[in-house]
Protein backbone atom coordinates (compact mmCIF):
# COMPACT_ATOMS: atom_id res chain seq x y z
CA MET A 1 0.00 0.00 0.00
CA GLN A 2 0.98 3.57 -0.54
CA GLN A 3 0.31 4.93 2.94
CA GLU A 4 3.98 5.82 3.37
CA GLN A 5 4.05 7.83 0.13
CA VAL A 6 0.76 9.59 0.91
CA GLY A 7 1.73 10.33 4.51
CA LYS A 8 5.20 11.67 3.67
CA SER A 9 3.78 13.75 0.81
CA LEU A 10 1.24 15.39 3.14
CA ILE A 11 3.87 16.03 5.82
CA THR A 12 6.32 17.54 3.30
CA ARG A 13 3.61 19.83 1.88
CA HIS A 14 2.36 20.85 5.33
CA GLN A 15 -1.11 19.63 4.35
CA THR A 16 -3.66 17.88 6.53
CA ILE A 17 -6.10 15.03 5.97
CA THR A 18 -9.03 13.42 7.72
CA SER A 19 -11.30 10.50 6.91
CA ALA A 20 -14.95 9.60 7.32
CA GLU A 21 -15.20 5.82 7.30
CA SER A 22 -18.19 3.55 7.24
CA LEU A 23 -17.48 -0.01 6.07
CA THR A 24 -13.73 0.41 6.73
CA ALA A 25 -14.48 1.37 10.37
CA GLY A 26 -11.23 3.28 10.90
CA LEU A 27 -8.94 0.95 8.93
CA PHE A 28 -7.79 3.79 6.64
CA VAL A 29 -6.79 6.11 9.48
CA ALA A 30 -5.22 3.25 11.45
CA THR A 31 -3.12 2.38 8.40
CA LEU A 32 -2.15 6.01 7.82
CA ALA A 33 -1.17 6.29 11.50
CA GLU A 34 1.60 3.75 10.85
CA VAL A 35 3.53 6.52 9.04
CA SER A 36 6.13 8.09 11.31
CA GLY A 37 5.42 11.78 11.95
CA ILE A 38 1.84 11.62 10.62
CA SER A 39 0.53 13.60 13.60
CA ALA A 40 1.72 16.70 11.70
CA ALA A 41 -0.85 15.94 8.98
CA LEU A 42 -3.62 14.04 10.78
CA PRO A 43 -5.69 15.95 13.34
CA GLY A 44 -8.33 13.23 13.69
CA ALA A 45 -10.90 11.16 11.84
CA PHE A 46 -14.49 9.91 11.94
CA VAL A 47 -16.00 6.43 12.01
CA THR A 48 -19.54 6.88 10.75
CA TYR A 49 -20.83 3.35 10.55
CA ALA A 50 -24.54 4.14 10.95
CA ALA A 51 -26.53 6.55 8.78
CA ALA A 52 -27.31 8.66 11.87
CA ALA A 53 -23.57 8.98 12.59
CA LYS A 54 -22.96 10.21 9.04
CA THR A 55 -25.47 12.97 9.68
CA LYS A 56 -24.46 13.79 13.25
CA LEU A 57 -20.66 13.60 12.95
CA VAL A 58 -19.92 14.86 9.43
CA GLY A 59 -23.13 16.63 8.46
CA VAL A 60 -24.42 14.39 5.67
CA PRO A 61 -27.98 15.63 5.08
CA ALA A 62 -30.52 12.98 6.11
CA GLU A 63 -32.49 13.80 2.95
CA LEU A 64 -29.47 12.84 0.84
CA ILE A 65 -29.30 9.45 2.56
CA THR A 66 -33.06 8.96 2.09
CA GLN A 67 -32.87 9.90 -1.59
CA TYR A 68 -29.72 8.05 -2.66
CA GLY A 69 -28.95 5.58 0.15
CA VAL A 70 -25.72 5.33 2.14
CA VAL A 71 -24.09 3.30 -0.64
CA SER A 72 -23.89 6.11 -3.18
CA ASP A 73 -21.63 8.57 -4.93
CA GLN A 74 -23.58 11.45 -3.36
CA VAL A 75 -23.17 10.24 0.22
CA ALA A 76 -19.46 9.44 -0.31
CA GLN A 77 -18.90 13.01 -1.53
CA ALA A 78 -20.95 14.51 1.31
CA MET A 79 -19.00 12.45 3.87
CA ALA A 80 -15.65 13.68 2.52
CA LYS A 81 -16.78 17.30 2.27
CA GLY A 82 -18.35 17.19 5.74
CA ALA A 83 -15.28 15.66 7.38
CA GLN A 84 -13.02 18.21 5.66
CA ALA A 85 -15.22 21.04 6.94
CA LYS A 86 -15.50 19.70 10.51
CA LEU A 87 -11.73 19.48 11.02
CA THR A 88 -10.72 22.20 8.53
CA THR A 89 -8.28 19.91 6.72
CA ASP A 90 -6.80 20.28 3.26
CA TRP A 91 -7.88 16.79 2.22
CA ALA A 92 -10.57 14.33 3.26
CA ILE A 93 -11.39 10.83 2.13
CA SER A 94 -14.52 8.80 2.78
CA PHE A 95 -15.49 5.17 2.47
CA THR A 96 -19.05 3.86 2.25
CA GLY A 97 -20.29 0.59 0.88
CA VAL A 98 -21.13 -3.04 1.49
CA ALA A 99 -18.48 -5.23 3.11
CA GLY A 100 -20.84 -8.19 3.02
CA PRO A 101 -21.69 -10.95 3.18
CA ASP A 102 -25.23 -9.67 2.52
CA ALA A 103 -26.36 -7.05 0.00
CA LEU A 104 -27.41 -3.59 1.21
CA GLU A 105 -29.83 -1.20 -0.47
CA GLY A 106 -29.84 -3.47 -3.51
CA HIS A 107 -26.04 -3.31 -3.85
CA PRO A 108 -24.09 -6.57 -3.80
CA ALA A 109 -21.36 -7.19 -1.26
CA GLY A 110 -18.12 -5.56 -2.38
CA THR A 111 -19.76 -2.39 -3.74
CA VAL A 112 -17.79 0.56 -2.39
CA TYR A 113 -17.80 4.30 -2.99
CA ILE A 114 -14.74 6.32 -2.06
CA GLY A 115 -15.06 10.09 -1.85
CA VAL A 116 -12.29 12.69 -1.81
CA ALA A 117 -12.42 16.39 -0.97
CA THR A 118 -9.38 18.32 -2.25
CA PRO A 119 -7.64 21.52 -1.13
CA SER A 120 -9.03 23.30 -4.21
CA GLY A 121 -12.59 22.66 -3.05
CA GLN A 122 -13.29 19.89 -5.55
CA THR A 123 -15.22 16.87 -4.27
CA MET A 124 -15.44 13.63 -6.21
CA ALA A 125 -16.26 9.96 -5.77
CA GLN A 126 -15.43 6.69 -7.46
CA LYS A 127 -17.30 3.41 -7.40
CA TYR A 128 -15.46 0.12 -6.91
CA GLN A 129 -16.50 -3.51 -6.91
CA PHE A 130 -14.28 -5.76 -4.79
CA SER A 131 -14.50 -9.48 -4.16
CA GLY A 132 -13.70 -11.61 -1.15
CA ASP A 133 -14.84 -11.72 2.44
CA ARG A 134 -15.59 -8.70 4.63
CA GLN A 135 -11.96 -8.15 5.59
CA ALA A 136 -10.75 -8.48 1.99
CA VAL A 137 -13.30 -5.86 0.86
CA ARG A 138 -12.28 -3.50 3.66
CA GLU A 139 -8.55 -3.92 2.90
CA ALA A 140 -9.10 -3.49 -0.86
CA SER A 141 -11.09 -0.32 -0.17
CA VAL A 142 -8.29 1.17 1.93
CA ALA A 143 -5.67 0.20 -0.68
CA ALA A 144 -7.75 1.83 -3.44
CA GLY A 145 -8.12 4.97 -1.32
CA PHE A 146 -4.37 5.26 -0.83
CA ASP A 147 -3.75 4.63 -4.55
CA TRP A 148 -6.23 7.36 -5.52
CA LEU A 149 -4.78 9.84 -3.01
CA ALA A 150 -1.24 9.12 -4.25
CA ASP A 151 -2.39 9.86 -7.82
CA LEU A 152 -4.16 13.07 -6.78
CA LEU A 153 -1.16 14.27 -4.75
CA ALA A 154 1.16 13.56 -7.68
CA LYS A 155 -1.10 15.51 -10.05
CA GLU A 156 -1.35 18.40 -7.60
CA SER A 157 2.43 18.64 -7.27
CA SER A 158 2.83 18.74 -11.06
CA ILE A 159 0.44 21.73 -11.15
CA ASP A 160 2.32 23.68 -8.44
């Protein structure tokens, strides 16, 4: 995984990050915390497993959840944007989806949306479909999140 690259890049740039995690239940932030010196870039994070926690902790509008469901592009983006706003970080990443083994909201196990809020104010989300058991889906989600962040950080540094 690219947590070392992402962590060191954030530290070097003096940028901060937070996460809002549902199905990953803190696995992203726990993995990022393995990077030495990460406290300079990581003020805290959110585990928003239940829909009510998404609303209460990171401000995802309940109407958005009702309209699109928690397993959606819209909720992933709102989670990232809300977490970024709550802790005033440069970056935020969110994870929402179905770890399994059962489907949720009509989505099969392994369906995951990852959201990212960037320093420029852009918010985006990507859909993934992973296979394997619950832990494999959670680990694949975190790996995909680090890969995406590494790409975004590399693109941002080529713009600077």
